[in-house]
Amino acid sequence: MNLNQVTIPVLNVVSSIPFYQALGLKLIVHTHDKYARFECSPNGSTLSLHQVDVLSEGPRVTIYFERDDLDDYVKQLVAKGIEFEQMPTDQRYLWREAKLYDLDSNPIIIYKAGENRINPPWKIK
């Protein structure tokens, strides 16, 4: 099975589009103001925004984007005015991560894990 599409709720699709474009996602569908879809990677994975009237309370789904050039990429985003809650930081689980939020407080982690994403030392054999 291949996970290739995730849709997240936002209050205003039109306002959210420039934020996700600034992250480097390519807008590929925007047929009306309540839905947009972005291509995330060369392998065809996509992220969609779906407009809702009210965001749900409680925990949100966290969106992870992997970048081999994490530190330089985060510097580029900061130069564009994107604010981070956490700058790139080495984690105990062998990933390096930066954390930010979109306009609707959906958490986004931009990270570099390399081989440790699929094959960490504690992988089940």
Protein backbone atom coordinates (compact mmCIF):
# COMPACT_ATOMS: atom_id res chain seq x y z
CA MET A 1 0.00 0.00 0.00
CA ASN A 2 1.28 3.48 -0.87
CA LEU A 3 0.18 6.53 1.10
CA ASN A 4 0.01 9.24 -1.52
CA GLN A 5 -2.66 11.74 -0.40
CA VAL A 6 -3.41 13.53 2.87
CA THR A 7 -6.13 16.16 3.30
CA ILE A 8 -6.09 18.64 6.17
CA PRO A 9 -8.82 21.01 7.36
CA VAL A 10 -8.32 24.77 7.13
CA LEU A 11 -10.61 27.74 7.73
CA ASN A 12 -9.63 29.54 4.54
CA VAL A 13 -8.16 27.68 1.58
CA VAL A 14 -7.41 30.84 -0.40
CA SER A 15 -5.39 32.35 2.48
CA SER A 16 -3.56 29.06 3.10
CA ILE A 17 -2.39 28.50 -0.49
CA PRO A 18 0.47 31.06 -0.38
CA PHE A 19 1.77 29.58 2.89
CA TYR A 20 2.08 26.09 1.41
CA GLN A 21 3.54 27.49 -1.82
CA ALA A 22 6.16 29.30 0.28
CA LEU A 23 7.09 25.91 1.75
CA GLY A 24 7.80 24.79 -1.82
CA LEU A 25 4.71 22.74 -2.58
CA LYS A 26 3.38 22.99 -6.14
CA LEU A 27 -0.30 23.92 -6.48
CA ILE A 28 -1.88 21.48 -8.95
CA VAL A 29 -5.64 21.74 -8.25
CA HIS A 30 -7.72 24.75 -7.22
CA THR A 31 -11.13 24.41 -8.84
CA HIS A 32 -13.00 26.37 -6.16
CA ASP A 33 -12.22 28.30 -2.99
CA LYS A 34 -12.92 25.39 -0.61
CA TYR A 35 -10.33 22.94 -1.95
CA ALA A 36 -6.74 22.94 -3.17
CA ARG A 37 -4.20 20.19 -3.84
CA PHE A 38 -0.42 20.40 -3.89
CA GLU A 39 2.21 18.07 -5.27
CA CYS A 40 4.75 17.39 -2.53
CA SER A 41 7.40 15.27 -4.18
CA PRO A 42 8.59 13.91 -7.51
CA ASN A 43 7.05 10.53 -6.65
CA GLY A 44 3.56 12.06 -6.80
CA SER A 45 2.51 12.35 -3.17
CA THR A 46 -0.02 15.14 -2.60
CA LEU A 47 -1.40 17.27 0.21
CA SER A 48 -4.86 18.80 0.02
CA LEU A 49 -6.54 21.60 1.89
CA HIS A 50 -10.26 21.32 2.53
CA GLN A 51 -12.15 24.28 3.94
CA VAL A 52 -14.22 23.70 7.09
CA ASP A 53 -16.42 26.05 9.09
CA VAL A 54 -14.91 25.08 12.44
CA LEU A 55 -11.64 23.36 13.25
CA SER A 56 -11.88 20.40 15.60
CA GLU A 57 -10.71 20.81 19.18
CA GLY A 58 -7.88 18.77 20.60
CA PRO A 59 -4.87 17.11 18.99
CA ARG A 60 -4.20 17.63 15.30
CA VAL A 61 -2.52 15.46 12.72
CA THR A 62 1.13 16.41 12.34
CA ILE A 63 2.41 16.81 8.79
CA TYR A 64 6.01 15.69 8.14
CA PHE A 65 8.09 16.83 5.19
CA GLU A 66 11.58 15.38 4.78
CA ARG A 67 14.42 17.47 3.36
CA ASP A 68 18.03 16.39 2.94
CA ASP A 69 19.05 20.06 3.05
CA LEU A 70 17.07 20.75 6.24
CA ASP A 71 19.20 23.50 7.79
CA ASP A 72 19.64 25.48 4.57
CA TYR A 73 15.96 25.02 3.69
CA VAL A 74 14.82 26.34 7.08
CA LYS A 75 17.11 29.37 6.65
CA GLN A 76 15.44 30.04 3.28
CA LEU A 77 11.97 29.84 4.84
CA VAL A 78 12.94 32.15 7.71
CA ALA A 79 14.23 34.64 5.11
CA LYS A 80 10.72 34.50 3.54
CA GLY A 81 9.21 35.44 6.92
CA ILE A 82 8.02 31.99 7.98
CA GLU A 83 8.19 31.61 11.75
CA PHE A 84 9.36 28.42 13.44
CA GLU A 85 8.52 27.22 16.92
CA GLN A 86 11.68 25.09 16.91
CA MET A 87 14.69 25.51 14.68
CA PRO A 88 16.49 22.36 13.44
CA THR A 89 17.31 20.24 16.47
CA ASP A 90 18.78 16.75 16.81
CA GLN A 91 16.26 14.38 18.39
CA ARG A 92 16.93 11.32 20.57
CA TYR A 93 15.32 9.13 17.87
CA LEU A 94 18.08 10.13 15.41
CA TRP A 95 16.08 12.63 13.36
CA ARG A 96 16.86 16.32 12.97
CA GLU A 97 13.65 18.38 13.08
CA ALA A 98 12.29 21.90 12.82
CA LYS A 99 8.71 22.67 13.89
CA LEU A 100 6.23 25.27 12.70
CA TYR A 101 2.48 25.72 12.35
CA ASP A 102 0.34 26.65 9.38
CA LEU A 103 -2.25 29.45 9.52
CA ASP A 104 -4.74 27.11 11.25
CA SER A 105 -2.30 25.76 13.83
CA ASN A 106 -1.78 22.46 12.02
CA PRO A 107 1.67 21.29 13.21
CA ILE A 108 4.33 20.79 10.55
CA ILE A 109 7.67 19.09 11.09
CA ILE A 110 10.38 19.53 8.50
CA TYR A 111 13.01 16.93 9.18
CA LYS A 112 15.97 14.92 8.02
CA ALA A 113 16.11 11.27 9.04
CA GLY A 114 17.91 9.60 6.18
CA GLU A 115 18.26 5.86 6.68
CA ASN A 116 16.89 6.15 10.24
CA ARG A 117 13.37 6.84 8.99
CA ILE A 118 12.91 3.28 7.74
CA ASN A 119 15.82 1.51 9.39
CA PRO A 120 16.45 2.86 12.89
CA PRO A 121 18.73 0.78 15.13
CA TRP A 122 15.66 -0.44 17.07
CA LYS A 123 13.73 -1.60 14.00
CA ILE A 124 11.71 -4.78 14.51
CA LYS A 125 13.35 -7.63 12.65
